[in-house]
């Protein structure tokens, strides 16, 4: 089952093969922050900002989650090359 980024039950991203793929996209987009609780002061944990959620979803007709992942990885590589 593919996953996507949601806000208030509205799908905001393309569908990706795994939840981990969506976390990577969200982190690159600046939507992940480190949260610290009193018990975890030494080890902050990543959370999604602004009540975003990653949830399972149905891919849109003619949408290929694997292709979406490959395109996102290619775009991230291009961004690194431009930054160099």
PDB file of N, CA and C in Angstrom:
ATOM      1  N   UNK A   1       0.853  -1.181   0.000  1.00  0.00           N
ATOM      2  CA  UNK A   1       0.000   0.000   0.000  1.00  0.00           C
ATOM      3  C   UNK A   1       0.895   1.239   0.000  1.00  0.00           C
ATOM      4  N   UNK A   2       0.666   2.173  -0.903  1.00  0.00           N
ATOM      5  CA  UNK A   2       1.470   3.395  -0.930  1.00  0.00           C
ATOM      6  C   UNK A   2       1.103   4.339   0.222  1.00  0.00           C
ATOM      7  N   UNK A   3       1.975   5.327   0.423  1.00  0.00           N
ATOM      8  CA  UNK A   3       1.795   6.331   1.466  1.00  0.00           C
ATOM      9  C   UNK A   3       1.929   7.719   0.869  1.00  0.00           C
ATOM     10  N   UNK A   4       1.342   8.711   1.571  1.00  0.00           N
ATOM     11  CA  UNK A   4       1.440  10.101   1.140  1.00  0.00           C
ATOM     12  C   UNK A   4       1.370  11.014   2.359  1.00  0.00           C
ATOM     13  N   UNK A   5       1.678  12.273   2.152  1.00  0.00           N
ATOM     14  CA  UNK A   5       1.605  13.292   3.189  1.00  0.00           C
ATOM     15  C   UNK A   5       0.210  13.913   3.179  1.00  0.00           C
ATOM     16  N   UNK A   6      -0.365  14.062   4.360  1.00  0.00           N
ATOM     17  CA  UNK A   6      -1.717  14.603   4.505  1.00  0.00           C
ATOM     18  C   UNK A   6      -1.736  15.753   5.502  1.00  0.00           C
ATOM     19  N   UNK A   7      -2.703  16.631   5.342  1.00  0.00           N
ATOM     20  CA  UNK A   7      -3.029  17.664   6.322  1.00  0.00           C
ATOM     21  C   UNK A   7      -4.542  17.752   6.383  1.00  0.00           C
ATOM     22  N   UNK A   8      -5.100  17.555   7.571  1.00  0.00           N
ATOM     23  CA  UNK A   8      -6.562  17.572   7.743  1.00  0.00           C
ATOM     24  C   UNK A   8      -7.263  16.660   6.742  1.00  0.00           C
ATOM     25  N   UNK A   9      -6.731  15.463   6.573  1.00  0.00           N
ATOM     26  CA  UNK A   9      -7.268  14.451   5.657  1.00  0.00           C
ATOM     27  C   UNK A   9      -7.198  14.821   4.187  1.00  0.00           C
ATOM     28  N   UNK A  10      -6.529  15.921   3.857  1.00  0.00           N
ATOM     29  CA  UNK A  10      -6.304  16.289   2.458  1.00  0.00           C
ATOM     30  C   UNK A  10      -4.920  15.789   2.047  1.00  0.00           C
ATOM     31  N   UNK A  11      -4.871  15.049   0.970  1.00  0.00           N
ATOM     32  CA  UNK A  11      -3.588  14.532   0.479  1.00  0.00           C
ATOM     33  C   UNK A  11      -2.804  15.667  -0.145  1.00  0.00           C
ATOM     34  N   UNK A  12      -1.550  15.847   0.306  1.00  0.00           N
ATOM     35  CA  UNK A  12      -0.716  16.950  -0.159  1.00  0.00           C
ATOM     36  C   UNK A  12       0.412  16.510  -1.083  1.00  0.00           C
ATOM     37  N   UNK A  13       0.733  15.237  -1.088  1.00  0.00           N
ATOM     38  CA  UNK A  13       1.881  14.787  -1.877  1.00  0.00           C
ATOM     39  C   UNK A  13       1.474  13.681  -2.839  1.00  0.00           C
ATOM     40  N   UNK A  14       2.425  13.360  -3.674  1.00  0.00           N
ATOM     41  CA  UNK A  14       2.265  12.184  -4.515  1.00  0.00           C
ATOM     42  C   UNK A  14       2.314  10.955  -3.620  1.00  0.00           C
ATOM     43  N   UNK A  15       1.912   9.832  -4.153  1.00  0.00           N
ATOM     44  CA  UNK A  15       2.005   8.564  -3.437  1.00  0.00           C
ATOM     45  C   UNK A  15       3.401   7.981  -3.629  1.00  0.00           C
ATOM     46  N   UNK A  16       3.952   7.399  -2.543  1.00  0.00           N
ATOM     47  CA  UNK A  16       5.267   6.774  -2.574  1.00  0.00           C
ATOM     48  C   UNK A  16       5.145   5.355  -2.039  1.00  0.00           C
ATOM     49  N   UNK A  17       6.072   4.476  -2.417  1.00  0.00           N
ATOM     50  CA  UNK A  17       5.939   3.061  -2.053  1.00  0.00           C
ATOM     51  C   UNK A  17       5.908   2.783  -0.547  1.00  0.00           C
ATOM     52  N   UNK A  18       6.677   3.544   0.249  1.00  0.00           N
ATOM     53  CA  UNK A  18       6.748   3.247   1.688  1.00  0.00           C
ATOM     54  C   UNK A  18       6.590   4.528   2.508  1.00  0.00           C
ATOM     55  N   UNK A  19       6.280   4.338   3.774  1.00  0.00           N
ATOM     56  CA  UNK A  19       6.192   5.458   4.704  1.00  0.00           C
ATOM     57  C   UNK A  19       7.555   6.148   4.825  1.00  0.00           C
ATOM     58  N   UNK A  20       8.635   5.366   4.815  1.00  0.00           N
ATOM     59  CA  UNK A  20       9.990   5.925   4.909  1.00  0.00           C
ATOM     60  C   UNK A  20      10.285   6.857   3.737  1.00  0.00           C
ATOM     61  N   UNK A  21       9.768   6.533   2.560  1.00  0.00           N
ATOM     62  CA  UNK A  21       9.969   7.406   1.396  1.00  0.00           C
ATOM     63  C   UNK A  21       9.328   8.772   1.628  1.00  0.00           C
ATOM     64  N   UNK A  22       8.151   8.787   2.211  1.00  0.00           N
ATOM     65  CA  UNK A  22       7.453  10.055   2.465  1.00  0.00           C
ATOM     66  C   UNK A  22       8.197  10.852   3.534  1.00  0.00           C
ATOM     67  N   UNK A  23       8.739  10.170   4.554  1.00  0.00           N
ATOM     68  CA  UNK A  23       9.549  10.864   5.564  1.00  0.00           C
ATOM     69  C   UNK A  23      10.736  11.570   4.906  1.00  0.00           C
ATOM     70  N   UNK A  24      11.398  10.902   3.960  1.00  0.00           N
ATOM     71  CA  UNK A  24      12.540  11.515   3.270  1.00  0.00           C
ATOM     72  C   UNK A  24      12.113  12.771   2.523  1.00  0.00           C
ATOM     73  N   UNK A  25      10.999  12.695   1.816  1.00  0.00           N
ATOM     74  CA  UNK A  25      10.502  13.841   1.059  1.00  0.00           C
ATOM     75  C   UNK A  25      10.126  14.974   2.016  1.00  0.00           C
ATOM     76  N   UNK A  26       9.456  14.643   3.105  1.00  0.00           N
ATOM     77  CA  UNK A  26       9.042  15.651   4.078  1.00  0.00           C
ATOM     78  C   UNK A  26      10.266  16.324   4.702  1.00  0.00           C
ATOM     79  N   UNK A  27      11.299  15.549   5.011  1.00  0.00           N
ATOM     80  CA  UNK A  27      12.516  16.115   5.596  1.00  0.00           C
ATOM     81  C   UNK A  27      13.180  17.075   4.607  1.00  0.00           C
ATOM     82  N   UNK A  28      13.305  16.656   3.353  1.00  0.00           N
ATOM     83  CA  UNK A  28      13.909  17.523   2.326  1.00  0.00           C
ATOM     84  C   UNK A  28      13.106  18.803   2.129  1.00  0.00           C
ATOM     85  N   UNK A  29      11.806  18.726   2.352  1.00  0.00           N
ATOM     86  CA  UNK A  29      10.929  19.888   2.168  1.00  0.00           C
ATOM     87  C   UNK A  29      10.880  20.787   3.396  1.00  0.00           C
ATOM     88  N   UNK A  30      11.566  20.411   4.460  1.00  0.00           N
ATOM     89  CA  UNK A  30      11.585  21.225   5.670  1.00  0.00           C
ATOM     90  C   UNK A  30      10.367  21.049   6.555  1.00  0.00           C
ATOM     91  N   UNK A  31       9.673  19.937   6.412  1.00  0.00           N
ATOM     92  CA  UNK A  31       8.454  19.709   7.181  1.00  0.00           C
ATOM     93  C   UNK A  31       8.676  18.857   8.425  1.00  0.00           C
ATOM     94  N   UNK A  32       9.921  18.483   8.690  1.00  0.00           N
ATOM     95  CA  UNK A  32      10.238  17.652   9.846  1.00  0.00           C
ATOM     96  C   UNK A  32      11.029  18.474  10.851  1.00  0.00           C
ATOM     97  N   UNK A  33      10.602  18.416  12.098  1.00  0.00           N
ATOM     98  CA  UNK A  33      11.312  19.101  13.183  1.00  0.00           C
ATOM     99  C   UNK A  33      11.682  18.064  14.238  1.00  0.00           C
ATOM    100  N   UNK A  34      12.664  18.392  15.056  1.00  0.00           N
ATOM    101  CA  UNK A  34      13.044  17.509  16.151  1.00  0.00           C
ATOM    102  C   UNK A  34      12.288  17.916  17.394  1.00  0.00           C
ATOM    103  N   UNK A  35      11.579  16.972  17.982  1.00  0.00           N
ATOM    104  CA  UNK A  35      10.808  17.222  19.203  1.00  0.00           C
ATOM    105  C   UNK A  35      11.533  16.581  20.377  1.00  0.00           C
ATOM    106  N   UNK A  36      11.494  17.274  21.489  1.00  0.00           N
ATOM    107  CA  UNK A  36      12.136  16.776  22.695  1.00  0.00           C
ATOM    108  C   UNK A  36      11.118  16.799  23.823  1.00  0.00           C
ATOM    109  N   UNK A  37      10.991  15.676  24.491  1.00  0.00           N
ATOM    110  CA  UNK A  37      10.154  15.631  25.691  1.00  0.00           C
ATOM    111  C   UNK A  37      11.085  15.588  26.894  1.00  0.00           C
ATOM    112  N   UNK A  38      10.542  15.711  28.071  1.00  0.00           N
ATOM    113  CA  UNK A  38      11.363  15.676  29.278  1.00  0.00           C
ATOM    114  C   UNK A  38      12.140  14.373  29.397  1.00  0.00           C
ATOM    115  N   UNK A  39      11.537  13.282  28.956  1.00  0.00           N
ATOM    116  CA  UNK A  39      12.196  11.990  29.042  1.00  0.00           C
ATOM    117  C   UNK A  39      13.233  11.793  27.947  1.00  0.00           C
ATOM    118  N   UNK A  40      13.149  12.547  26.882  1.00  0.00           N
ATOM    119  CA  UNK A  40      14.011  12.323  25.710  1.00  0.00           C
ATOM    120  C   UNK A  40      14.972  13.475  25.455  1.00  0.00           C
ATOM    121  N   UNK A  41      15.364  14.219  26.458  1.00  0.00           N
ATOM    122  CA  UNK A  41      16.192  15.406  26.221  1.00  0.00           C
ATOM    123  C   UNK A  41      17.488  15.082  25.500  1.00  0.00           C
ATOM    124  N   UNK A  42      18.036  13.908  25.711  1.00  0.00           N
ATOM    125  CA  UNK A  42      19.280  13.542  25.042  1.00  0.00           C
ATOM    126  C   UNK A  42      19.062  13.027  23.625  1.00  0.00           C
ATOM    127  N   UNK A  43      17.847  12.609  23.324  1.00  0.00           N
ATOM    128  CA  UNK A  43      17.576  12.007  22.020  1.00  0.00           C
ATOM    129  C   UNK A  43      16.290  12.579  21.420  1.00  0.00           C
ATOM    130  N   UNK A  44      16.376  13.732  20.761  1.00  0.00           N
ATOM    131  CA  UNK A  44      15.158  14.255  20.141  1.00  0.00           C
ATOM    132  C   UNK A  44      14.673  13.312  19.042  1.00  0.00           C
ATOM    133  N   UNK A  45      13.379  13.338  18.796  1.00  0.00           N
ATOM    134  CA  UNK A  45      12.821  12.468  17.765  1.00  0.00           C
ATOM    135  C   UNK A  45      12.196  13.346  16.675  1.00  0.00           C
ATOM    136  N   UNK A  46      12.278  12.900  15.441  1.00  0.00           N
ATOM    137  CA  UNK A  46      11.690  13.678  14.357  1.00  0.00           C
ATOM    138  C   UNK A  46      10.164  13.582  14.376  1.00  0.00           C
ATOM    139  N   UNK A  47       9.508  14.694  14.159  1.00  0.00           N
ATOM    140  CA  UNK A  47       8.054  14.737  14.027  1.00  0.00           C
ATOM    141  C   UNK A  47       7.713  15.653  12.862  1.00  0.00           C
ATOM    142  N   UNK A  48       6.529  15.476  12.329  1.00  0.00           N
ATOM    143  CA  UNK A  48       6.070  16.341  11.245  1.00  0.00           C
ATOM    144  C   UNK A  48       5.544  17.643  11.822  1.00  0.00           C
ATOM    145  N   UNK A  49       5.892  18.735  11.191  1.00  0.00           N
ATOM    146  CA  UNK A  49       5.465  20.064  11.615  1.00  0.00           C
ATOM    147  C   UNK A  49       4.018  20.320  11.183  1.00  0.00           C
ATOM    148  N   UNK A  50       3.359  21.240  11.842  1.00  0.00           N
ATOM    149  CA  UNK A  50       2.032  21.750  11.444  1.00  0.00           C
ATOM    150  C   UNK A  50       0.952  20.693  11.277  1.00  0.00           C
ATOM    151  N   UNK A  51       0.951  19.700  12.138  1.00  0.00           N
ATOM    152  CA  UNK A  51      -0.090  18.661  12.111  1.00  0.00           C
ATOM    153  C   UNK A  51      -0.141  17.868  10.817  1.00  0.00           C
ATOM    154  N   UNK A  52       0.964  17.823  10.072  1.00  0.00           N
ATOM    155  CA  UNK A  52       1.012  16.953   8.907  1.00  0.00           C
ATOM    156  C   UNK A  52       1.026  15.506   9.383  1.00  0.00           C
ATOM    157  N   UNK A  53       0.552  14.618   8.525  1.00  0.00           N
ATOM    158  CA  UNK A  53       0.540  13.186   8.825  1.00  0.00           C
ATOM    159  C   UNK A  53       0.976  12.416   7.595  1.00  0.00           C
ATOM    160  N   UNK A  54       1.574  11.269   7.829  1.00  0.00           N
ATOM    161  CA  UNK A  54       1.875  10.339   6.751  1.00  0.00           C
ATOM    162  C   UNK A  54       0.942   9.157   6.942  1.00  0.00           C
ATOM    163  N   UNK A  55       0.151   8.893   5.902  1.00  0.00           N
ATOM    164  CA  UNK A  55      -0.856   7.836   6.007  1.00  0.00           C
ATOM    165  C   UNK A  55      -0.875   6.998   4.734  1.00  0.00           C
ATOM    166  N   UNK A  56      -1.361   5.760   4.861  1.00  0.00           N
ATOM    167  CA  UNK A  56      -1.555   4.950   3.661  1.00  0.00           C
ATOM    168  C   UNK A  56      -2.607   5.611   2.764  1.00  0.00           C
ATOM    169  N   UNK A  57      -2.479   5.386   1.474  1.00  0.00           N
ATOM    170  CA  UNK A  57      -3.437   5.982   0.530  1.00  0.00           C
ATOM    171  C   UNK A  57      -3.540   5.110  -0.707  1.00  0.00           C
ATOM    172  N   UNK A  58      -4.502   5.395  -1.503  1.00  0.00           N
ATOM    173  CA  UNK A  58      -4.626   4.785  -2.818  1.00  0.00           C
ATOM    174  C   UNK A  58      -3.918   5.686  -3.818  1.00  0.00           C
ATOM    175  N   UNK A  59      -3.159   5.111  -4.695  1.00  0.00           N
ATOM    176  CA  UNK A  59      -2.542   5.891  -5.762  1.00  0.00           C
ATOM    177  C   UNK A  59      -3.626   6.387  -6.701  1.00  0.00           C
ATOM    178  N   UNK A  60      -3.407   7.562  -7.251  1.00  0.00           N
ATOM    179  CA  UNK A  60      -4.335   8.098  -8.244  1.00  0.00           C
ATOM    180  C   UNK A  60      -4.277   7.224  -9.496  1.00  0.00           C
ATOM    181  N   UNK A  61      -5.332   7.245 -10.310  1.00  0.00           N
ATOM    182  CA  UNK A  61      -5.271   6.492 -11.568  1.00  0.00           C
ATOM    183  C   UNK A  61      -4.054   6.941 -12.384  1.00  0.00           C
ATOM    184  N   UNK A  62      -3.366   6.009 -12.940  1.00  0.00           N
ATOM    185  CA  UNK A  62      -2.163   6.258 -13.743  1.00  0.00           C
ATOM    186  C   UNK A  62      -0.990   6.803 -12.934  1.00  0.00           C
ATOM    187  N   UNK A  63      -1.063   6.747 -11.602  1.00  0.00           N
ATOM    188  CA  UNK A  63       0.056   7.189 -10.767  1.00  0.00           C
ATOM    189  C   UNK A  63       0.871   5.956 -10.368  1.00  0.00           C
ATOM    190  N   UNK A  64       2.174   6.073 -10.471  1.00  0.00           N
ATOM    191  CA  UNK A  64       3.066   4.971 -10.120  1.00  0.00           C
ATOM    192  C   UNK A  64       3.947   5.403  -8.946  1.00  0.00           C
ATOM    193  N   UNK A  65       3.681   4.916  -7.731  1.00  0.00           N
ATOM    194  CA  UNK A  65       4.484   5.312  -6.574  1.00  0.00           C
ATOM    195  C   UNK A  65       5.979   5.064  -6.757  1.00  0.00           C
ATOM    196  N   UNK A  66       6.361   3.976  -7.423  1.00  0.00           N
ATOM    197  CA  UNK A  66       7.783   3.705  -7.648  1.00  0.00           C
ATOM    198  C   UNK A  66       8.397   4.767  -8.560  1.00  0.00           C
ATOM    199  N   UNK A  67       7.660   5.186  -9.568  1.00  0.00           N
ATOM    200  CA  UNK A  67       8.154   6.251 -10.448  1.00  0.00           C
ATOM    201  C   UNK A  67       8.264   7.571  -9.681  1.00  0.00           C
ATOM    202  N   UNK A  68       7.283   7.851  -8.806  1.00  0.00           N
ATOM    203  CA  UNK A  68       7.344   9.066  -7.986  1.00  0.00           C
ATOM    204  C   UNK A  68       8.603   9.062  -7.124  1.00  0.00           C
ATOM    205  N   UNK A  69       8.935   7.902  -6.541  1.00  0.00           N
ATOM    206  CA  UNK A  69      10.135   7.792  -5.717  1.00  0.00           C
ATOM    207  C   UNK A  69      11.384   8.036  -6.558  1.00  0.00           C
ATOM    208  N   UNK A  70      11.462   7.420  -7.723  1.00  0.00           N
ATOM    209  CA  UNK A  70      12.627   7.593  -8.599  1.00  0.00           C
ATOM    210  C   UNK A  70      12.781   9.054  -9.007  1.00  0.00           C
ATOM    211  N   UNK A  71      11.688   9.731  -9.318  1.00  0.00           N
ATOM    212  CA  UNK A  71      11.755  11.144  -9.689  1.00  0.00           C
ATOM    213  C   UNK A  71      12.218  12.003  -8.520  1.00  0.00           C
ATOM    214  N   UNK A  72      11.729  11.708  -7.315  1.00  0.00           N
ATOM    215  CA  UNK A  72      12.134  12.474  -6.130  1.00  0.00           C
ATOM    216  C   UNK A  72      13.619  12.271  -5.850  1.00  0.00           C
ATOM    217  N   UNK A  73      14.119  11.051  -6.007  1.00  0.00           N
ATOM    218  CA  UNK A  73      15.541  10.790  -5.795  1.00  0.00           C
ATOM    219  C   UNK A  73      16.387  11.500  -6.844  1.00  0.00           C
ATOM    220  N   UNK A  74      15.929  11.521  -8.083  1.00  0.00           N
ATOM    221  CA  UNK A  74      16.649  12.232  -9.143  1.00  0.00           C
ATOM    222  C   UNK A  74      16.679  13.731  -8.859  1.00  0.00           C
ATOM    223  N   UNK A  75      15.535  14.283  -8.432  1.00  0.00           N
ATOM    224  CA  UNK A  75      15.472  15.707  -8.106  1.00  0.00           C
ATOM    225  C   UNK A  75      16.395  16.056  -6.942  1.00  0.00           C
ATOM    226  N   UNK A  76      16.458  15.188  -5.928  1.00  0.00           N
ATOM    227  CA  UNK A  76      17.332  15.431  -4.780  1.00  0.00           C
ATOM    228  C   UNK A  76      18.796  15.401  -5.210  1.00  0.00           C
ATOM    229  N   UNK A  77      19.132  14.491  -6.094  1.00  0.00           N
ATOM    230  CA  UNK A  77      20.510  14.413  -6.594  1.00  0.00           C
ATOM    231  C   UNK A  77      20.857  15.676  -7.379  1.00  0.00           C
ATOM    232  N   UNK A  78      19.935  16.151  -8.200  1.00  0.00           N
ATOM    233  CA  UNK A  78      20.175  17.373  -8.964  1.00  0.00           C
ATOM    234  C   UNK A  78      20.360  18.567  -8.033  1.00  0.00           C
ATOM    235  N   UNK A  79      19.579  18.638  -6.956  1.00  0.00           N
ATOM    236  CA  UNK A  79      19.724  19.730  -5.998  1.00  0.00           C
ATOM    237  C   UNK A  79      21.112  19.719  -5.367  1.00  0.00           C
ATOM    238  N   UNK A  80      21.619  18.515  -5.046  1.00  0.00           N
ATOM    239  CA  UNK A  80      22.964  18.411  -4.480  1.00  0.00           C
ATOM    240  C   UNK A  80      24.022  18.868  -5.483  1.00  0.00           C
ATOM    241  N   UNK A  81      23.836  18.518  -6.744  1.00  0.00           N
ATOM    242  CA  UNK A  81      24.784  18.940  -7.764  1.00  0.00           C
ATOM    243  C   UNK A  81      24.781  20.449  -7.941  1.00  0.00           C
ATOM    244  N   UNK A  82      23.606  21.071  -7.878  1.00  0.00           N
ATOM    245  CA  UNK A  82      23.521  22.527  -8.003  1.00  0.00           C
ATOM    246  C   UNK A  82      24.151  23.223  -6.810  1.00  0.00           C
ATOM    247  N   UNK A  83      24.041  22.605  -5.641  1.00  0.00           N
ATOM    248  CA  UNK A  83      24.589  23.214  -4.423  1.00  0.00           C
ATOM    249  C   UNK A  83      26.117  23.110  -4.389  1.00  0.00           C
ATOM    250  N   UNK A  84      26.677  22.193  -5.148  1.00  0.00           N
ATOM    251  CA  UNK A  84      28.147  21.998  -5.138  1.00  0.00           C
ATOM    252  C   UNK A  84      28.858  23.093  -5.878  1.00  0.00           C
TER     253      UNK A  84
END
